[in-house]
Amino acid sequence: MATPNYGYEKRQRELAKKKKKEEKLRAKAAGKPYNEADDAPADDGAQAPGAQPATPGEGGDGTD
């Protein structure tokens, strides 16, 4: 049985921390709040360009 490579595991944790910190700094510089739930800058509920908000009665499920 091979022995665990603790140095590699530590390096991977350090890289993950560094990446997360850079993402936070990038989000802060862009003026967006950081959402830790998905480790990405939050979009404040912005919709895709051209997307229409859903209105009641237009569900498209055929139960109208």
PDB file of N, CA and C in Angstrom:
ATOM      1  N   MET A   1       0.849  -1.186   0.000  1.00  0.00           N
ATOM      2  CA  MET A   1       0.000   0.000   0.000  1.00  0.00           C
ATOM      3  C   MET A   1       0.889   1.243   0.000  1.00  0.00           C
ATOM      4  N   ALA A   2       0.537   2.199  -0.832  1.00  0.00           N
ATOM      5  CA  ALA A   2       1.304   3.429  -0.942  1.00  0.00           C
ATOM      6  C   ALA A   2       0.997   4.362   0.227  1.00  0.00           C
ATOM      7  N   THR A   3       1.974   5.156   0.592  1.00  0.00           N
ATOM      8  CA  THR A   3       1.768   6.118   1.685  1.00  0.00           C
ATOM      9  C   THR A   3       1.191   7.406   1.130  1.00  0.00           C
ATOM     10  N   PRO A   4       0.379   8.103   1.910  1.00  0.00           N
ATOM     11  CA  PRO A   4      -0.215   9.362   1.439  1.00  0.00           C
ATOM     12  C   PRO A   4       0.849  10.443   1.236  1.00  0.00           C
ATOM     13  N   ASN A   5       0.637  11.235   0.222  1.00  0.00           N
ATOM     14  CA  ASN A   5       1.551  12.333  -0.074  1.00  0.00           C
ATOM     15  C   ASN A   5       0.985  13.604   0.557  1.00  0.00           C
ATOM     16  N   TYR A   6       1.347  13.840   1.804  1.00  0.00           N
ATOM     17  CA  TYR A   6       0.791  14.970   2.542  1.00  0.00           C
ATOM     18  C   TYR A   6       1.234  16.311   1.955  1.00  0.00           C
ATOM     19  N   GLY A   7       2.392  16.372   1.386  1.00  0.00           N
ATOM     20  CA  GLY A   7       2.867  17.608   0.765  1.00  0.00           C
ATOM     21  C   GLY A   7       1.990  18.012  -0.407  1.00  0.00           C
ATOM     22  N   TYR A   8       1.585  17.041  -1.214  1.00  0.00           N
ATOM     23  CA  TYR A   8       0.718  17.301  -2.354  1.00  0.00           C
ATOM     24  C   TYR A   8      -0.643  17.793  -1.885  1.00  0.00           C
ATOM     25  N   GLU A   9      -1.199  17.113  -0.859  1.00  0.00           N
ATOM     26  CA  GLU A   9      -2.503  17.514  -0.330  1.00  0.00           C
ATOM     27  C   GLU A   9      -2.460  18.928   0.229  1.00  0.00           C
ATOM     28  N   LYS A  10      -1.385  19.251   0.933  1.00  0.00           N
ATOM     29  CA  LYS A  10      -1.252  20.603   1.497  1.00  0.00           C
ATOM     30  C   LYS A  10      -1.177  21.632   0.378  1.00  0.00           C
ATOM     31  N   ARG A  11      -0.427  21.338  -0.656  1.00  0.00           N
ATOM     32  CA  ARG A  11      -0.298  22.263  -1.788  1.00  0.00           C
ATOM     33  C   ARG A  11      -1.647  22.497  -2.463  1.00  0.00           C
ATOM     34  N   GLN A  12      -2.444  21.437  -2.596  1.00  0.00           N
ATOM     35  CA  GLN A  12      -3.756  21.577  -3.215  1.00  0.00           C
ATOM     36  C   GLN A  12      -4.670  22.460  -2.364  1.00  0.00           C
ATOM     37  N   ARG A  13      -4.603  22.311  -1.030  1.00  0.00           N
ATOM     38  CA  ARG A  13      -5.398  23.167  -0.148  1.00  0.00           C
ATOM     39  C   ARG A  13      -4.961  24.619  -0.264  1.00  0.00           C
ATOM     40  N   GLU A  14      -3.636  24.830  -0.332  1.00  0.00           N
ATOM     41  CA  GLU A  14      -3.121  26.203  -0.473  1.00  0.00           C
ATOM     42  C   GLU A  14      -3.578  26.827  -1.788  1.00  0.00           C
ATOM     43  N   LEU A  15      -3.541  26.054  -2.864  1.00  0.00           N
ATOM     44  CA  LEU A  15      -3.980  26.565  -4.163  1.00  0.00           C
ATOM     45  C   LEU A  15      -5.475  26.891  -4.148  1.00  0.00           C
ATOM     46  N   ALA A  16      -6.273  26.066  -3.473  1.00  0.00           N
ATOM     47  CA  ALA A  16      -7.709  26.320  -3.381  1.00  0.00           C
ATOM     48  C   ALA A  16      -7.966  27.609  -2.597  1.00  0.00           C
ATOM     49  N   LYS A  17      -7.236  27.819  -1.511  1.00  0.00           N
ATOM     50  CA  LYS A  17      -7.383  29.046  -0.727  1.00  0.00           C
ATOM     51  C   LYS A  17      -7.006  30.260  -1.562  1.00  0.00           C
ATOM     52  N   LYS A  18      -5.902  30.149  -2.290  1.00  0.00           N
ATOM     53  CA  LYS A  18      -5.432  31.253  -3.120  1.00  0.00           C
ATOM     54  C   LYS A  18      -6.454  31.595  -4.201  1.00  0.00           C
ATOM     55  N   LYS A  19      -7.022  30.570  -4.830  1.00  0.00           N
ATOM     56  CA  LYS A  19      -8.020  30.783  -5.872  1.00  0.00           C
ATOM     57  C   LYS A  19      -9.258  31.469  -5.300  1.00  0.00           C
ATOM     58  N   LYS A  20      -9.715  31.011  -4.141  1.00  0.00           N
ATOM     59  CA  LYS A  20     -10.894  31.596  -3.510  1.00  0.00           C
ATOM     60  C   LYS A  20     -10.645  33.057  -3.156  1.00  0.00           C
ATOM     61  N   LYS A  21      -9.457  33.350  -2.633  1.00  0.00           N
ATOM     62  CA  LYS A  21      -9.110  34.724  -2.272  1.00  0.00           C
ATOM     63  C   LYS A  21      -9.083  35.621  -3.508  1.00  0.00           C
ATOM     64  N   GLU A  22      -8.523  35.110  -4.603  1.00  0.00           N
ATOM     65  CA  GLU A  22      -8.477  35.889  -5.849  1.00  0.00           C
ATOM     66  C   GLU A  22      -9.881  36.149  -6.378  1.00  0.00           C
ATOM     67  N   GLU A  23     -10.764  35.143  -6.286  1.00  0.00           N
ATOM     68  CA  GLU A  23     -12.151  35.325  -6.731  1.00  0.00           C
ATOM     69  C   GLU A  23     -12.836  36.414  -5.914  1.00  0.00           C
ATOM     70  N   LYS A  24     -12.610  36.413  -4.614  1.00  0.00           N
ATOM     71  CA  LYS A  24     -13.212  37.431  -3.746  1.00  0.00           C
ATOM     72  C   LYS A  24     -12.687  38.816  -4.119  1.00  0.00           C
ATOM     73  N   LEU A  25     -11.382  38.927  -4.327  1.00  0.00           N
ATOM     74  CA  LEU A  25     -10.809  40.218  -4.700  1.00  0.00           C
ATOM     75  C   LEU A  25     -11.343  40.692  -6.047  1.00  0.00           C
ATOM     76  N   ARG A  26     -11.472  39.763  -6.993  1.00  0.00           N
ATOM     77  CA  ARG A  26     -11.990  40.103  -8.321  1.00  0.00           C
ATOM     78  C   ARG A  26     -13.438  40.582  -8.216  1.00  0.00           C
ATOM     79  N   ALA A  27     -14.236  39.904  -7.401  1.00  0.00           N
ATOM     80  CA  ALA A  27     -15.635  40.291  -7.221  1.00  0.00           C
ATOM     81  C   ALA A  27     -15.719  41.651  -6.540  1.00  0.00           C
ATOM     82  N   LYS A  28     -14.863  41.871  -5.564  1.00  0.00           N
ATOM     83  CA  LYS A  28     -14.860  43.146  -4.852  1.00  0.00           C
ATOM     84  C   LYS A  28     -14.478  44.279  -5.794  1.00  0.00           C
ATOM     85  N   ALA A  29     -13.488  44.044  -6.647  1.00  0.00           N
ATOM     86  CA  ALA A  29     -13.051  45.064  -7.598  1.00  0.00           C
ATOM     87  C   ALA A  29     -14.147  45.370  -8.613  1.00  0.00           C
ATOM     88  N   ALA A  30     -14.947  44.369  -8.947  1.00  0.00           N
ATOM     89  CA  ALA A  30     -16.037  44.559  -9.906  1.00  0.00           C
ATOM     90  C   ALA A  30     -17.265  45.162  -9.243  1.00  0.00           C
ATOM     91  N   GLY A  31     -17.249  45.280  -7.923  1.00  0.00           N
ATOM     92  CA  GLY A  31     -18.368  45.875  -7.206  1.00  0.00           C
ATOM     93  C   GLY A  31     -19.514  44.921  -6.981  1.00  0.00           C
ATOM     94  N   LYS A  32     -19.268  43.617  -7.086  1.00  0.00           N
ATOM     95  CA  LYS A  32     -20.314  42.621  -6.887  1.00  0.00           C
ATOM     96  C   LYS A  32     -20.112  41.949  -5.535  1.00  0.00           C
ATOM     97  N   PRO A  33     -21.202  41.645  -4.831  1.00  0.00           N
ATOM     98  CA  PRO A  33     -21.064  40.907  -3.573  1.00  0.00           C
ATOM     99  C   PRO A  33     -20.625  39.476  -3.855  1.00  0.00           C
ATOM    100  N   TYR A  34     -19.840  38.899  -2.965  1.00  0.00           N
ATOM    101  CA  TYR A  34     -19.341  37.540  -3.134  1.00  0.00           C
ATOM    102  C   TYR A  34     -20.292  36.558  -2.489  1.00  0.00           C
ATOM    103  N   ASN A  35     -20.681  35.519  -3.200  1.00  0.00           N
ATOM    104  CA  ASN A  35     -21.585  34.502  -2.705  1.00  0.00           C
ATOM    105  C   ASN A  35     -20.780  33.239  -2.440  1.00  0.00           C
ATOM    106  N   GLU A  36     -20.564  32.905  -1.155  1.00  0.00           N
ATOM    107  CA  GLU A  36     -19.740  31.757  -0.816  1.00  0.00           C
ATOM    108  C   GLU A  36     -20.447  30.433  -1.059  1.00  0.00           C
ATOM    109  N   ALA A  37     -21.759  30.435  -1.229  1.00  0.00           N
ATOM    110  CA  ALA A  37     -22.493  29.192  -1.426  1.00  0.00           C
ATOM    111  C   ALA A  37     -22.027  28.478  -2.691  1.00  0.00           C
ATOM    112  N   ASP A  38     -21.761  29.207  -3.746  1.00  0.00           N
ATOM    113  CA  ASP A  38     -21.304  28.574  -4.978  1.00  0.00           C
ATOM    114  C   ASP A  38     -19.905  29.023  -5.374  1.00  0.00           C
ATOM    115  N   ASP A  39     -19.197  29.678  -4.476  1.00  0.00           N
ATOM    116  CA  ASP A  39     -17.826  30.133  -4.693  1.00  0.00           C
ATOM    117  C   ASP A  39     -17.660  30.950  -5.970  1.00  0.00           C
ATOM    118  N   ALA A  40     -18.604  31.812  -6.230  1.00  0.00           N
ATOM    119  CA  ALA A  40     -18.538  32.682  -7.388  1.00  0.00           C
ATOM    120  C   ALA A  40     -19.214  33.999  -7.040  1.00  0.00           C
ATOM    121  N   PRO A  41     -18.863  35.054  -7.751  1.00  0.00           N
ATOM    122  CA  PRO A  41     -19.528  36.331  -7.494  1.00  0.00           C
ATOM    123  C   PRO A  41     -21.032  36.222  -7.710  1.00  0.00           C
ATOM    124  N   ALA A  42     -21.785  36.817  -6.829  1.00  0.00           N
ATOM    125  CA  ALA A  42     -23.243  36.796  -6.958  1.00  0.00           C
ATOM    126  C   ALA A  42     -23.662  37.728  -8.089  1.00  0.00           C
ATOM    127  N   ASP A  43     -24.769  37.402  -8.733  1.00  0.00           N
ATOM    128  CA  ASP A  43     -25.234  38.227  -9.842  1.00  0.00           C
ATOM    129  C   ASP A  43     -26.425  39.093  -9.458  1.00  0.00           C
ATOM    130  N   ASP A  44     -26.785  39.139  -8.191  1.00  0.00           N
ATOM    131  CA  ASP A  44     -27.871  39.970  -7.680  1.00  0.00           C
ATOM    132  C   ASP A  44     -29.192  39.711  -8.388  1.00  0.00           C
ATOM    133  N   GLY A  45     -29.440  38.489  -8.818  1.00  0.00           N
ATOM    134  CA  GLY A  45     -30.706  38.145  -9.451  1.00  0.00           C
ATOM    135  C   GLY A  45     -30.838  38.650 -10.877  1.00  0.00           C
ATOM    136  N   ALA A  46     -29.754  39.070 -11.462  1.00  0.00           N
ATOM    137  CA  ALA A  46     -29.813  39.558 -12.839  1.00  0.00           C
ATOM    138  C   ALA A  46     -30.151  38.398 -13.766  1.00  0.00           C
ATOM    139  N   GLN A  47     -30.970  38.685 -14.766  1.00  0.00           N
ATOM    140  CA  GLN A  47     -31.359  37.650 -15.705  1.00  0.00           C
ATOM    141  C   GLN A  47     -30.504  37.752 -16.950  1.00  0.00           C
ATOM    142  N   ALA A  48     -30.532  36.698 -17.720  1.00  0.00           N
ATOM    143  CA  ALA A  48     -29.809  36.686 -18.975  1.00  0.00           C
ATOM    144  C   ALA A  48     -30.388  37.766 -19.892  1.00  0.00           C
ATOM    145  N   PRO A  49     -29.551  38.353 -20.745  1.00  0.00           N
ATOM    146  CA  PRO A  49     -30.059  39.376 -21.658  1.00  0.00           C
ATOM    147  C   PRO A  49     -31.189  38.831 -22.515  1.00  0.00           C
ATOM    148  N   GLY A  50     -32.279  39.568 -22.588  1.00  0.00           N
ATOM    149  CA  GLY A  50     -33.408  39.176 -23.405  1.00  0.00           C
ATOM    150  C   GLY A  50     -34.378  38.250 -22.706  1.00  0.00           C
ATOM    151  N   ALA A  51     -34.088  37.862 -21.477  1.00  0.00           N
ATOM    152  CA  ALA A  51     -34.983  36.961 -20.748  1.00  0.00           C
ATOM    153  C   ALA A  51     -36.165  37.742 -20.197  1.00  0.00           C
ATOM    154  N   GLN A  52     -37.344  37.148 -20.307  1.00  0.00           N
ATOM    155  CA  GLN A  52     -38.552  37.782 -19.803  1.00  0.00           C
ATOM    156  C   GLN A  52     -38.883  37.198 -18.434  1.00  0.00           C
ATOM    157  N   PRO A  53     -39.321  38.017 -17.495  1.00  0.00           N
ATOM    158  CA  PRO A  53     -39.704  37.480 -16.190  1.00  0.00           C
ATOM    159  C   PRO A  53     -40.964  36.628 -16.321  1.00  0.00           C
ATOM    160  N   ALA A  54     -41.053  35.594 -15.512  1.00  0.00           N
ATOM    161  CA  ALA A  54     -42.211  34.714 -15.553  1.00  0.00           C
ATOM    162  C   ALA A  54     -43.419  35.428 -14.960  1.00  0.00           C
ATOM    163  N   THR A  55     -44.553  35.276 -15.623  1.00  0.00           N
ATOM    164  CA  THR A  55     -45.776  35.891 -15.116  1.00  0.00           C
ATOM    165  C   THR A  55     -46.758  34.787 -14.781  1.00  0.00           C
ATOM    166  N   PRO A  56     -47.611  34.991 -13.805  1.00  0.00           N
ATOM    167  CA  PRO A  56     -48.594  33.969 -13.444  1.00  0.00           C
ATOM    168  C   PRO A  56     -49.507  33.661 -14.634  1.00  0.00           C
ATOM    169  N   GLY A  57     -49.841  32.384 -14.798  1.00  0.00           N
ATOM    170  CA  GLY A  57     -50.740  31.986 -15.874  1.00  0.00           C
ATOM    171  C   GLY A  57     -50.003  31.631 -17.159  1.00  0.00           C
ATOM    172  N   GLU A  58     -48.697  31.826 -17.204  1.00  0.00           N
ATOM    173  CA  GLU A  58     -47.926  31.497 -18.401  1.00  0.00           C
ATOM    174  C   GLU A  58     -46.878  30.439 -18.075  1.00  0.00           C
ATOM    175  N   GLY A  59     -47.273  29.451 -17.274  1.00  0.00           N
ATOM    176  CA  GLY A  59     -46.342  28.432 -16.838  1.00  0.00           C
ATOM    177  C   GLY A  59     -45.874  27.502 -17.935  1.00  0.00           C
ATOM    178  N   GLY A  60     -46.668  27.309 -18.963  1.00  0.00           N
ATOM    179  CA  GLY A  60     -46.282  26.429 -20.054  1.00  0.00           C
ATOM    180  C   GLY A  60     -46.449  24.960 -19.720  1.00  0.00           C
ATOM    181  N   ASP A  61     -47.098  24.661 -18.574  1.00  0.00           N
ATOM    182  CA  ASP A  61     -47.287  23.280 -18.195  1.00  0.00           C
ATOM    183  C   ASP A  61     -48.630  22.710 -18.669  1.00  0.00           C
ATOM    184  N   GLY A  62     -49.411  23.527 -19.361  1.00  0.00           N
ATOM    185  CA  GLY A  62     -50.672  23.081 -19.930  1.00  0.00           C
ATOM    186  C   GLY A  62     -51.824  23.000 -18.938  1.00  0.00           C
ATOM    187  N   THR A  63     -51.689  23.581 -17.759  1.00  0.00           N
ATOM    188  CA  THR A  63     -52.748  23.521 -16.760  1.00  0.00           C
ATOM    189  C   THR A  63     -53.514  24.830 -16.659  1.00  0.00           C
ATOM    190  N   ASP A  64     -53.415  25.691 -17.664  1.00  0.00           N
ATOM    191  CA  ASP A  64     -54.081  26.999 -17.625  1.00  0.00           C
ATOM    192  C   ASP A  64     -55.559  26.881 -17.657  1.00  0.00           C
TER     193      ASP A  64
END
